[in-house]
Amino acid sequence: MKVRDAALWLLAWLALLSGNAAARETAAAAGSTVLSGGSVQALFSPWDDIEGAVIASLRAAQRQVLVQAFSFTSRPIARALIEAKRRGVEVRVTADAAETQRLEGGRIPELAAAGIEVFIEERYQSAHNKVMVIDADLPSGTVITGSYNWSFAAQRRNAENVLIMRGQVALAARYRMNWERHRAEARPYTKQ
């Protein structure tokens, strides 16, 4: 292990354990290189069942699910998030403002009605992240990301990709820090 990689790993862990905003910023400023471990699953729609793999990951969540969404129309993924919330998992979502307002079949109102904290990102032309961070503070920490929107079209009509990275504690911590940064700039969702 290189000294720089070890230092980044240590900074990420200190930031995660301390809960200190300054420590998290120091870790983020140190660079984006994180140690790899665990497993990586690569999936491609329409051939692979990305939606099913995402739902399986959500069903395995124990403590927390953080979601960044651009387009969110998938009923099955919305149901899996609501089920996680009902079994005591903390579920929080950030979503793109314009896309949330534009979508007639969007699931954001349904998530909010189920008691899930939803925040709307207005700062950017597009809050185009498609990320889920699951149990970042556990050894099973999982990051799901790729071009795949949480939508029917992403699974059935589009050529999309997703990586599901399990057991990636440092990576999950970095993605959680980024989620928190976006959440801090967002406003709570209110029904339009």
C-alpha atoms as a PDB file:
ATOM      1  CA  MET A   1       0.000   0.000   0.000  1.00  0.00           C
ATOM      2  CA  LYS A   2       1.371   3.405  -0.926  1.00  0.00           C
ATOM      3  CA  VAL A   3       1.820   5.944   1.862  1.00  0.00           C
ATOM      4  CA  ARG A   4      -0.591   8.383   0.167  1.00  0.00           C
ATOM      5  CA  ASP A   5      -3.266   5.680  -0.183  1.00  0.00           C
ATOM      6  CA  ALA A   6      -2.866   4.730   3.471  1.00  0.00           C
ATOM      7  CA  ALA A   7      -3.165   8.379   4.499  1.00  0.00           C
ATOM      8  CA  LEU A   8      -6.337   8.822   2.441  1.00  0.00           C
ATOM      9  CA  TRP A   9      -7.819   5.686   3.940  1.00  0.00           C
ATOM     10  CA  LEU A  10      -7.011   6.917   7.448  1.00  0.00           C
ATOM     11  CA  LEU A  11      -8.487  10.366   6.727  1.00  0.00           C
ATOM     12  CA  ALA A  12     -11.680   8.823   5.389  1.00  0.00           C
ATOM     13  CA  TRP A  13     -12.026   6.645   8.487  1.00  0.00           C
ATOM     14  CA  LEU A  14     -11.315   9.514  10.866  1.00  0.00           C
ATOM     15  CA  ALA A  15     -13.890  11.647   9.093  1.00  0.00           C
ATOM     16  CA  LEU A  16     -16.419   8.847   9.218  1.00  0.00           C
ATOM     17  CA  LEU A  17     -15.832   8.067  12.894  1.00  0.00           C
ATOM     18  CA  SER A  18     -15.573  11.631  14.151  1.00  0.00           C
ATOM     19  CA  GLY A  19     -18.703  13.016  12.544  1.00  0.00           C
ATOM     20  CA  ASN A  20     -16.697  16.249  12.422  1.00  0.00           C
ATOM     21  CA  ALA A  21     -17.447  18.397   9.373  1.00  0.00           C
ATOM     22  CA  ALA A  22     -13.891  19.759   9.256  1.00  0.00           C
ATOM     23  CA  ALA A  23     -12.457  16.228   9.261  1.00  0.00           C
ATOM     24  CA  ARG A  24     -14.799  15.224   6.436  1.00  0.00           C
ATOM     25  CA  GLU A  25     -13.721  18.252   4.387  1.00  0.00           C
ATOM     26  CA  THR A  26     -10.039  17.470   5.038  1.00  0.00           C
ATOM     27  CA  ALA A  27     -10.553  13.925   3.800  1.00  0.00           C
ATOM     28  CA  ALA A  28     -12.426  15.167   0.738  1.00  0.00           C
ATOM     29  CA  ALA A  29      -9.736  17.737  -0.042  1.00  0.00           C
ATOM     30  CA  ALA A  30      -6.982  15.123   0.254  1.00  0.00           C
ATOM     31  CA  GLY A  31      -8.071  13.558  -3.004  1.00  0.00           C
ATOM     32  CA  SER A  32     -10.503  11.103  -4.443  1.00  0.00           C
ATOM     33  CA  THR A  33      -8.342   7.986  -4.420  1.00  0.00           C
ATOM     34  CA  VAL A  34      -9.762   5.332  -2.119  1.00  0.00           C
ATOM     35  CA  LEU A  35      -8.572   1.841  -1.355  1.00  0.00           C
ATOM     36  CA  SER A  36     -10.500  -0.890  -3.064  1.00  0.00           C
ATOM     37  CA  GLY A  37     -11.751  -4.073  -1.523  1.00  0.00           C
ATOM     38  CA  GLY A  38     -14.877  -6.132  -1.527  1.00  0.00           C
ATOM     39  CA  SER A  39     -16.564  -6.880  -4.818  1.00  0.00           C
ATOM     40  CA  VAL A  40     -17.714  -5.033  -7.913  1.00  0.00           C
ATOM     41  CA  GLN A  41     -20.656  -6.190 -10.011  1.00  0.00           C
ATOM     42  CA  ALA A  42     -21.084  -4.651 -13.494  1.00  0.00           C
ATOM     43  CA  LEU A  43     -24.547  -4.780 -15.030  1.00  0.00           C
ATOM     44  CA  PHE A  44     -25.876  -3.558 -18.373  1.00  0.00           C
ATOM     45  CA  SER A  45     -29.478  -2.957 -19.384  1.00  0.00           C
ATOM     46  CA  PRO A  46     -31.551  -4.047 -21.100  1.00  0.00           C
ATOM     47  CA  TRP A  47     -29.773  -7.433 -20.865  1.00  0.00           C
ATOM     48  CA  ASP A  48     -29.145  -7.581 -17.122  1.00  0.00           C
ATOM     49  CA  ASP A  49     -31.802  -7.090 -14.453  1.00  0.00           C
ATOM     50  CA  ILE A  50     -30.359  -3.950 -12.889  1.00  0.00           C
ATOM     51  CA  GLU A  51     -33.654  -3.097 -11.225  1.00  0.00           C
ATOM     52  CA  GLY A  52     -33.732  -6.523  -9.538  1.00  0.00           C
ATOM     53  CA  ALA A  53     -30.124  -6.164  -8.357  1.00  0.00           C
ATOM     54  CA  VAL A  54     -30.849  -2.708  -6.912  1.00  0.00           C
ATOM     55  CA  ILE A  55     -33.931  -4.028  -5.120  1.00  0.00           C
ATOM     56  CA  ALA A  56     -31.957  -6.971  -3.689  1.00  0.00           C
ATOM     57  CA  SER A  57     -29.348  -4.522  -2.374  1.00  0.00           C
ATOM     58  CA  LEU A  58     -32.077  -2.376  -0.791  1.00  0.00           C
ATOM     59  CA  ARG A  59     -33.626  -5.427   0.851  1.00  0.00           C
ATOM     60  CA  ALA A  60     -30.227  -6.218   2.401  1.00  0.00           C
ATOM     61  CA  ALA A  61     -29.890  -2.689   3.864  1.00  0.00           C
ATOM     62  CA  GLN A  62     -29.587  -2.692   7.646  1.00  0.00           C
ATOM     63  CA  ARG A  63     -29.144   0.920   8.782  1.00  0.00           C
ATOM     64  CA  GLN A  64     -29.159   3.546   6.051  1.00  0.00           C
ATOM     65  CA  VAL A  65     -29.855   4.191   2.384  1.00  0.00           C
ATOM     66  CA  LEU A  66     -28.869   7.483   0.783  1.00  0.00           C
ATOM     67  CA  VAL A  67     -30.166   8.105  -2.743  1.00  0.00           C
ATOM     68  CA  GLN A  68     -29.223  10.699  -5.337  1.00  0.00           C
ATOM     69  CA  ALA A  69     -31.738  10.766  -8.164  1.00  0.00           C
ATOM     70  CA  PHE A  70     -32.111  12.550 -11.446  1.00  0.00           C
ATOM     71  CA  SER A  71     -35.106  10.727 -12.925  1.00  0.00           C
ATOM     72  CA  PHE A  72     -37.074   8.480 -10.580  1.00  0.00           C
ATOM     73  CA  THR A  73     -40.086   6.603 -12.001  1.00  0.00           C
ATOM     74  CA  SER A  74     -39.451   2.982 -10.960  1.00  0.00           C
ATOM     75  CA  ARG A  75     -42.366   1.733  -8.862  1.00  0.00           C
ATOM     76  CA  PRO A  76     -40.493  -1.418  -7.729  1.00  0.00           C
ATOM     77  CA  ILE A  77     -37.457   0.573  -6.528  1.00  0.00           C
ATOM     78  CA  ALA A  78     -39.750   3.085  -4.790  1.00  0.00           C
ATOM     79  CA  ARG A  79     -41.555   0.189  -3.060  1.00  0.00           C
ATOM     80  CA  ALA A  80     -38.211  -1.292  -1.945  1.00  0.00           C
ATOM     81  CA  LEU A  81     -37.175   2.063  -0.435  1.00  0.00           C
ATOM     82  CA  ILE A  82     -40.520   2.369   1.356  1.00  0.00           C
ATOM     83  CA  GLU A  83     -40.200  -1.215   2.645  1.00  0.00           C
ATOM     84  CA  ALA A  84     -36.701  -0.405   3.949  1.00  0.00           C
ATOM     85  CA  LYS A  85     -38.068   2.664   5.743  1.00  0.00           C
ATOM     86  CA  ARG A  86     -40.868   0.573   7.301  1.00  0.00           C
ATOM     87  CA  ARG A  87     -38.400  -1.967   8.701  1.00  0.00           C
ATOM     88  CA  GLY A  88     -36.430   0.802  10.420  1.00  0.00           C
ATOM     89  CA  VAL A  89     -33.763   1.672   7.861  1.00  0.00           C
ATOM     90  CA  GLU A  90     -33.044   5.394   7.562  1.00  0.00           C
ATOM     91  CA  VAL A  91     -33.834   6.358   3.951  1.00  0.00           C
ATOM     92  CA  ARG A  92     -33.006   9.820   2.598  1.00  0.00           C
ATOM     93  CA  VAL A  93     -33.202  11.076  -0.990  1.00  0.00           C
ATOM     94  CA  THR A  94     -31.908  14.053  -2.949  1.00  0.00           C
ATOM     95  CA  ALA A  95     -33.496  14.716  -6.338  1.00  0.00           C
ATOM     96  CA  ASP A  96     -33.084  17.091  -9.258  1.00  0.00           C
ATOM     97  CA  ALA A  97     -35.562  19.997  -9.004  1.00  0.00           C
ATOM     98  CA  ALA A  98     -36.488  20.400 -12.678  1.00  0.00           C
ATOM     99  CA  GLU A  99     -36.786  16.666 -13.362  1.00  0.00           C
ATOM    100  CA  THR A 100     -38.886  16.117 -10.228  1.00  0.00           C
ATOM    101  CA  GLN A 101     -41.254  18.879 -11.270  1.00  0.00           C
ATOM    102  CA  ARG A 102     -41.396  17.719 -14.905  1.00  0.00           C
ATOM    103  CA  LEU A 103     -42.119  14.026 -14.335  1.00  0.00           C
ATOM    104  CA  GLU A 104     -45.800  13.131 -14.203  1.00  0.00           C
ATOM    105  CA  GLY A 105     -45.022   9.537 -13.169  1.00  0.00           C
ATOM    106  CA  GLY A 106     -42.260  10.440 -10.755  1.00  0.00           C
ATOM    107  CA  ARG A 107     -42.003   8.565  -7.467  1.00  0.00           C
ATOM    108  CA  ILE A 108     -40.651  11.455  -5.362  1.00  0.00           C
ATOM    109  CA  PRO A 109     -44.105  12.474  -4.018  1.00  0.00           C
ATOM    110  CA  GLU A 110     -44.802   8.819  -3.127  1.00  0.00           C
ATOM    111  CA  LEU A 111     -41.509   8.533  -1.216  1.00  0.00           C
ATOM    112  CA  ALA A 112     -42.185  11.747   0.703  1.00  0.00           C
ATOM    113  CA  ALA A 113     -45.759  10.631   1.515  1.00  0.00           C
ATOM    114  CA  ALA A 114     -44.291   7.426   3.000  1.00  0.00           C
ATOM    115  CA  GLY A 115     -42.217   9.473   5.450  1.00  0.00           C
ATOM    116  CA  ILE A 116     -38.918   9.333   3.567  1.00  0.00           C
ATOM    117  CA  GLU A 117     -36.877  12.525   3.842  1.00  0.00           C
ATOM    118  CA  VAL A 118     -36.590  14.034   0.350  1.00  0.00           C
ATOM    119  CA  PHE A 119     -34.502  17.065  -0.564  1.00  0.00           C
ATOM    120  CA  ILE A 120     -34.621  18.963  -3.852  1.00  0.00           C
ATOM    121  CA  GLU A 121     -31.419  20.158  -5.528  1.00  0.00           C
ATOM    122  CA  GLU A 122     -31.826  23.493  -7.286  1.00  0.00           C
ATOM    123  CA  ARG A 123     -28.243  24.782  -7.365  1.00  0.00           C
ATOM    124  CA  TYR A 124     -27.173  22.905 -10.499  1.00  0.00           C
ATOM    125  CA  GLN A 125     -28.479  22.969 -14.042  1.00  0.00           C
ATOM    126  CA  SER A 126     -28.856  19.211 -13.584  1.00  0.00           C
ATOM    127  CA  ALA A 127     -28.383  17.273 -10.367  1.00  0.00           C
ATOM    128  CA  HIS A 128     -27.515  14.327 -12.584  1.00  0.00           C
ATOM    129  CA  ASN A 129     -26.152  11.896  -9.994  1.00  0.00           C
ATOM    130  CA  LYS A 130     -27.576   8.383  -9.940  1.00  0.00           C
ATOM    131  CA  VAL A 131     -26.217   6.955  -6.711  1.00  0.00           C
ATOM    132  CA  MET A 132     -27.288   4.808  -3.781  1.00  0.00           C
ATOM    133  CA  VAL A 133     -25.096   4.473  -0.706  1.00  0.00           C
ATOM    134  CA  ILE A 134     -26.170   1.612   1.531  1.00  0.00           C
ATOM    135  CA  ASP A 135     -24.859   1.077   5.078  1.00  0.00           C
ATOM    136  CA  ALA A 136     -21.732   3.176   4.580  1.00  0.00           C
ATOM    137  CA  ASP A 137     -20.712   2.643   8.207  1.00  0.00           C
ATOM    138  CA  LEU A 138     -20.818  -1.160   8.024  1.00  0.00           C
ATOM    139  CA  PRO A 139     -18.257  -3.574   6.532  1.00  0.00           C
ATOM    140  CA  SER A 140     -20.906  -4.413   3.932  1.00  0.00           C
ATOM    141  CA  GLY A 141     -20.972  -0.751   2.761  1.00  0.00           C
ATOM    142  CA  THR A 142     -22.350  -0.645  -0.782  1.00  0.00           C
ATOM    143  CA  VAL A 143     -22.283   1.971  -3.534  1.00  0.00           C
ATOM    144  CA  ILE A 144     -24.519   1.696  -6.595  1.00  0.00           C
ATOM    145  CA  THR A 145     -23.794   4.120  -9.430  1.00  0.00           C
ATOM    146  CA  GLY A 146     -23.711   4.409 -13.200  1.00  0.00           C
ATOM    147  CA  SER A 147     -25.735   5.898 -16.017  1.00  0.00           C
ATOM    148  CA  TYR A 148     -28.852   4.064 -14.827  1.00  0.00           C
ATOM    149  CA  ASN A 149     -31.691   6.312 -13.622  1.00  0.00           C
ATOM    150  CA  TRP A 150     -34.116   4.817 -11.125  1.00  0.00           C
ATOM    151  CA  SER A 151     -36.666   4.467 -13.936  1.00  0.00           C
ATOM    152  CA  PHE A 152     -38.683   2.072 -16.065  1.00  0.00           C
ATOM    153  CA  ALA A 153     -36.997   3.373 -19.231  1.00  0.00           C
ATOM    154  CA  ALA A 154     -33.498   2.732 -17.841  1.00  0.00           C
ATOM    155  CA  GLN A 155     -34.298  -0.965 -17.444  1.00  0.00           C
ATOM    156  CA  ARG A 156     -36.557  -1.596 -20.441  1.00  0.00           C
ATOM    157  CA  ARG A 157     -35.771   0.938 -23.171  1.00  0.00           C
ATOM    158  CA  ASN A 158     -32.266   2.311 -22.722  1.00  0.00           C
ATOM    159  CA  ALA A 159     -28.711   1.020 -22.969  1.00  0.00           C
ATOM    160  CA  GLU A 160     -27.442   1.706 -19.432  1.00  0.00           C
ATOM    161  CA  ASN A 161     -24.772   0.550 -17.005  1.00  0.00           C
ATOM    162  CA  VAL A 162     -24.404   0.278 -13.264  1.00  0.00           C
ATOM    163  CA  LEU A 163     -21.688  -0.797 -10.849  1.00  0.00           C
ATOM    164  CA  ILE A 164     -22.647  -2.315  -7.502  1.00  0.00           C
ATOM    165  CA  MET A 165     -19.627  -2.133  -5.227  1.00  0.00           C
ATOM    166  CA  ARG A 166     -20.064  -4.124  -2.000  1.00  0.00           C
ATOM    167  CA  GLY A 167     -17.737  -4.208   0.998  1.00  0.00           C
ATOM    168  CA  GLN A 168     -16.237  -0.896  -0.069  1.00  0.00           C
ATOM    169  CA  VAL A 169     -16.114   0.968   3.251  1.00  0.00           C
ATOM    170  CA  ALA A 170     -13.782   3.831   2.227  1.00  0.00           C
ATOM    171  CA  LEU A 171     -15.576   4.322  -1.083  1.00  0.00           C
ATOM    172  CA  ALA A 172     -18.984   4.283   0.622  1.00  0.00           C
ATOM    173  CA  ALA A 173     -17.704   6.868   3.136  1.00  0.00           C
ATOM    174  CA  ARG A 174     -16.557   9.131   0.299  1.00  0.00           C
ATOM    175  CA  TYR A 175     -19.899   8.822  -1.491  1.00  0.00           C
ATOM    176  CA  ARG A 176     -21.739   9.495   1.778  1.00  0.00           C
ATOM    177  CA  MET A 177     -19.680  12.653   2.281  1.00  0.00           C
ATOM    178  CA  ASN A 178     -20.646  13.771  -1.212  1.00  0.00           C
ATOM    179  CA  TRP A 179     -24.324  12.984  -0.524  1.00  0.00           C
ATOM    180  CA  GLU A 180     -24.170  15.089   2.646  1.00  0.00           C
ATOM    181  CA  ARG A 181     -22.595  17.971   0.719  1.00  0.00           C
ATOM    182  CA  HIS A 182     -25.462  17.894  -1.794  1.00  0.00           C
ATOM    183  CA  ARG A 183     -28.058  17.562   0.956  1.00  0.00           C
ATOM    184  CA  ALA A 184     -26.655  20.656   2.688  1.00  0.00           C
ATOM    185  CA  GLU A 185     -27.303  22.696  -0.477  1.00  0.00           C
ATOM    186  CA  ALA A 186     -30.798  21.305  -1.088  1.00  0.00           C
ATOM    187  CA  ARG A 187     -34.216  22.279   0.237  1.00  0.00           C
ATOM    188  CA  PRO A 188     -36.775  19.967   1.803  1.00  0.00           C
ATOM    189  CA  TYR A 189     -39.298  18.615  -0.714  1.00  0.00           C
ATOM    190  CA  THR A 190     -42.783  20.088  -0.533  1.00  0.00           C
ATOM    191  CA  LYS A 191     -45.699  18.781  -2.562  1.00  0.00           C
ATOM    192  CA  GLN A 192     -46.348  21.041  -5.555  1.00  0.00           C
END
